Amino acid sequence: MKGEAQCHIYSLPYQFDNFHYLNNSFQGGRFEKVKCIKMTDIRPFEHEFFKIISQSFPFLQHLSVKNDEQQKNKQHLSNTLIIFPHLRSLHLILAHIDYVEDFLMKKTTHL
């Protein structure tokens, strides 16, 4: 079986408006200039990961999530409300229903 891997290297301060191919290996940081993110991975994005995203990209306007994997830790949702105050567009591409629920249920995420 042939494997494939991708590696993205960036330095701080990150000067770009877009951050493409963000995946679960992202550890966080402060990216105030980034307005658009495209997320994709073969592993599920858990609710807590979106908390890291909202804190790392405070001026995010456009978010695209491509992931058809079911979330594993749905029963352990944080009591902390995740807020995306500047988000204008949300694209859920081939996304599992868990991501739709995560973003559209006001109990966990505020857009």
C-alpha atoms as a PDB file:
ATOM      1  CA  MET A   1       0.000   0.000   0.000  1.00  0.00           C
ATOM      2  CA  LYS A   2       1.426   3.346  -1.040  1.00  0.00           C
ATOM      3  CA  GLY A   3       1.282   6.085   1.636  1.00  0.00           C
ATOM      4  CA  GLU A   4       1.220   9.804   1.179  1.00  0.00           C
ATOM      5  CA  ALA A   5       2.063  12.632   3.563  1.00  0.00           C
ATOM      6  CA  GLN A   6       2.023  16.404   3.467  1.00  0.00           C
ATOM      7  CA  CYS A   7       4.062  18.855   5.468  1.00  0.00           C
ATOM      8  CA  HIS A   8       3.349  22.569   5.793  1.00  0.00           C
ATOM      9  CA  ILE A   9       5.945  24.882   7.243  1.00  0.00           C
ATOM     10  CA  TYR A  10       5.174  28.436   8.239  1.00  0.00           C
ATOM     11  CA  SER A  11       6.989  31.024  10.272  1.00  0.00           C
ATOM     12  CA  LEU A  12       5.649  33.635  12.633  1.00  0.00           C
ATOM     13  CA  PRO A  13       4.536  36.281  12.154  1.00  0.00           C
ATOM     14  CA  TYR A  14       2.354  34.685   9.478  1.00  0.00           C
ATOM     15  CA  GLN A  15       1.716  37.392   6.877  1.00  0.00           C
ATOM     16  CA  PHE A  16      -0.864  35.743   4.630  1.00  0.00           C
ATOM     17  CA  ASP A  17      -4.665  36.146   4.474  1.00  0.00           C
ATOM     18  CA  ASN A  18      -5.300  32.454   3.733  1.00  0.00           C
ATOM     19  CA  PHE A  19      -4.347  29.253   5.512  1.00  0.00           C
ATOM     20  CA  HIS A  20      -4.998  26.229   3.280  1.00  0.00           C
ATOM     21  CA  TYR A  21      -4.884  22.537   4.185  1.00  0.00           C
ATOM     22  CA  LEU A  22      -5.051  23.080   7.924  1.00  0.00           C
ATOM     23  CA  ASN A  23      -5.377  19.703   9.649  1.00  0.00           C
ATOM     24  CA  ASN A  24      -5.349  18.053  13.075  1.00  0.00           C
ATOM     25  CA  SER A  25      -1.605  18.533  13.430  1.00  0.00           C
ATOM     26  CA  PHE A  26      -2.194  22.282  13.932  1.00  0.00           C
ATOM     27  CA  GLN A  27      -1.189  23.157  17.508  1.00  0.00           C
ATOM     28  CA  GLY A  28      -2.490  26.714  17.678  1.00  0.00           C
ATOM     29  CA  GLY A  29      -0.900  30.143  17.645  1.00  0.00           C
ATOM     30  CA  ARG A  30      -1.993  33.689  16.920  1.00  0.00           C
ATOM     31  CA  PHE A  31      -2.836  34.440  13.275  1.00  0.00           C
ATOM     32  CA  GLU A  32      -4.523  37.839  13.235  1.00  0.00           C
ATOM     33  CA  LYS A  33      -4.128  38.423   9.479  1.00  0.00           C
ATOM     34  CA  VAL A  34      -5.743  35.165   8.368  1.00  0.00           C
ATOM     35  CA  LYS A  35      -9.292  35.671   7.074  1.00  0.00           C
ATOM     36  CA  CYS A  36      -9.830  32.386   5.199  1.00  0.00           C
ATOM     37  CA  ILE A  37      -9.122  28.786   6.275  1.00  0.00           C
ATOM     38  CA  LYS A  38      -9.536  25.540   4.358  1.00  0.00           C
ATOM     39  CA  MET A  39      -9.471  22.521   6.661  1.00  0.00           C
ATOM     40  CA  THR A  40      -9.150  18.918   5.556  1.00  0.00           C
ATOM     41  CA  ASP A  41      -8.017  15.686   7.175  1.00  0.00           C
ATOM     42  CA  ILE A  42      -8.616  11.939   7.138  1.00  0.00           C
ATOM     43  CA  ARG A  43      -9.034  12.005  10.942  1.00  0.00           C
ATOM     44  CA  PRO A  44     -12.101  13.666  12.487  1.00  0.00           C
ATOM     45  CA  PHE A  45     -12.007  17.258  13.723  1.00  0.00           C
ATOM     46  CA  GLU A  46     -13.189  17.156  17.322  1.00  0.00           C
ATOM     47  CA  HIS A  47     -15.155  19.960  18.989  1.00  0.00           C
ATOM     48  CA  GLU A  48     -12.141  21.017  21.076  1.00  0.00           C
ATOM     49  CA  PHE A  49     -10.113  21.501  17.892  1.00  0.00           C
ATOM     50  CA  PHE A  50     -12.589  24.132  16.698  1.00  0.00           C
ATOM     51  CA  LYS A  51     -12.017  25.916  20.005  1.00  0.00           C
ATOM     52  CA  ILE A  52      -8.303  26.117  19.133  1.00  0.00           C
ATOM     53  CA  ILE A  53      -9.210  27.421  15.667  1.00  0.00           C
ATOM     54  CA  SER A  54     -11.490  30.153  17.027  1.00  0.00           C
ATOM     55  CA  GLN A  55      -8.795  31.333  19.458  1.00  0.00           C
ATOM     56  CA  SER A  56      -5.961  31.160  16.919  1.00  0.00           C
ATOM     57  CA  PHE A  57      -7.776  33.007  14.131  1.00  0.00           C
ATOM     58  CA  PRO A  58      -9.691  35.847  15.831  1.00  0.00           C
ATOM     59  CA  PHE A  59     -10.604  37.643  12.575  1.00  0.00           C
ATOM     60  CA  LEU A  60     -11.638  34.591  10.558  1.00  0.00           C
ATOM     61  CA  GLN A  61     -14.282  35.405   7.933  1.00  0.00           C
ATOM     62  CA  HIS A  62     -14.415  32.307   5.706  1.00  0.00           C
ATOM     63  CA  LEU A  63     -14.153  28.717   6.911  1.00  0.00           C
ATOM     64  CA  SER A  64     -14.219  25.612   4.735  1.00  0.00           C
ATOM     65  CA  VAL A  65     -14.308  22.162   6.349  1.00  0.00           C
ATOM     66  CA  LYS A  66     -13.865  18.989   4.311  1.00  0.00           C
ATOM     67  CA  ASN A  67     -14.051  15.878   6.456  1.00  0.00           C
ATOM     68  CA  ASP A  68     -16.470  12.969   6.260  1.00  0.00           C
ATOM     69  CA  GLU A  69     -15.217  11.257   9.421  1.00  0.00           C
ATOM     70  CA  GLN A  70     -17.562  11.026  12.403  1.00  0.00           C
ATOM     71  CA  GLN A  71     -16.425  12.855  15.537  1.00  0.00           C
ATOM     72  CA  LYS A  72     -15.292  10.453  18.255  1.00  0.00           C
ATOM     73  CA  ASN A  73     -15.757  12.625  21.372  1.00  0.00           C
ATOM     74  CA  LYS A  74     -19.262  14.016  20.847  1.00  0.00           C
ATOM     75  CA  GLN A  75     -20.351  13.070  24.363  1.00  0.00           C
ATOM     76  CA  HIS A  76     -17.480  15.111  25.860  1.00  0.00           C
ATOM     77  CA  LEU A  77     -18.458  18.491  24.419  1.00  0.00           C
ATOM     78  CA  SER A  78     -16.925  21.390  26.268  1.00  0.00           C
ATOM     79  CA  ASN A  79     -19.092  23.697  28.354  1.00  0.00           C
ATOM     80  CA  THR A  80     -17.249  26.583  26.716  1.00  0.00           C
ATOM     81  CA  LEU A  81     -19.101  28.248  23.860  1.00  0.00           C
ATOM     82  CA  ILE A  82     -16.965  28.490  20.724  1.00  0.00           C
ATOM     83  CA  ILE A  83     -17.332  31.891  19.050  1.00  0.00           C
ATOM     84  CA  PHE A  84     -16.477  32.972  15.512  1.00  0.00           C
ATOM     85  CA  PRO A  85     -17.445  36.678  15.724  1.00  0.00           C
ATOM     86  CA  HIS A  86     -16.406  37.689  12.191  1.00  0.00           C
ATOM     87  CA  LEU A  87     -17.399  34.561  10.251  1.00  0.00           C
ATOM     88  CA  ARG A  88     -19.296  35.417   7.059  1.00  0.00           C
ATOM     89  CA  SER A  89     -19.261  32.092   5.241  1.00  0.00           C
ATOM     90  CA  LEU A  90     -19.110  28.478   6.326  1.00  0.00           C
ATOM     91  CA  HIS A  91     -18.615  25.741   3.731  1.00  0.00           C
ATOM     92  CA  LEU A  92     -19.075  22.149   4.836  1.00  0.00           C
ATOM     93  CA  ILE A  93     -17.854  20.086   1.888  1.00  0.00           C
ATOM     94  CA  LEU A  94     -18.467  16.336   1.987  1.00  0.00           C
ATOM     95  CA  ALA A  95     -18.763  16.863   5.724  1.00  0.00           C
ATOM     96  CA  HIS A  96     -20.155  14.411   8.224  1.00  0.00           C
ATOM     97  CA  ILE A  97     -23.419  15.518   9.875  1.00  0.00           C
ATOM     98  CA  ASP A  98     -21.487  15.978  13.149  1.00  0.00           C
ATOM     99  CA  TYR A  99     -19.886  19.150  11.772  1.00  0.00           C
ATOM    100  CA  VAL A 100     -23.241  20.545  10.690  1.00  0.00           C
ATOM    101  CA  GLU A 101     -24.600  19.944  14.190  1.00  0.00           C
ATOM    102  CA  ASP A 102     -21.460  21.351  15.808  1.00  0.00           C
ATOM    103  CA  PHE A 103     -21.734  24.648  13.944  1.00  0.00           C
ATOM    104  CA  LEU A 104     -25.482  25.100  13.770  1.00  0.00           C
ATOM    105  CA  MET A 105     -26.463  24.121  17.307  1.00  0.00           C
ATOM    106  CA  LYS A 106     -26.254  27.261  19.390  1.00  0.00           C
ATOM    107  CA  LYS A 107     -25.403  25.204  22.476  1.00  0.00           C
ATOM    108  CA  THR A 108     -21.808  24.691  21.348  1.00  0.00           C
ATOM    109  CA  THR A 109     -20.883  27.259  18.685  1.00  0.00           C
ATOM    110  CA  HIS A 110     -21.884  30.862  18.004  1.00  0.00           C
ATOM    111  CA  LEU A 111     -21.393  32.207  14.484  1.00  0.00           C
END
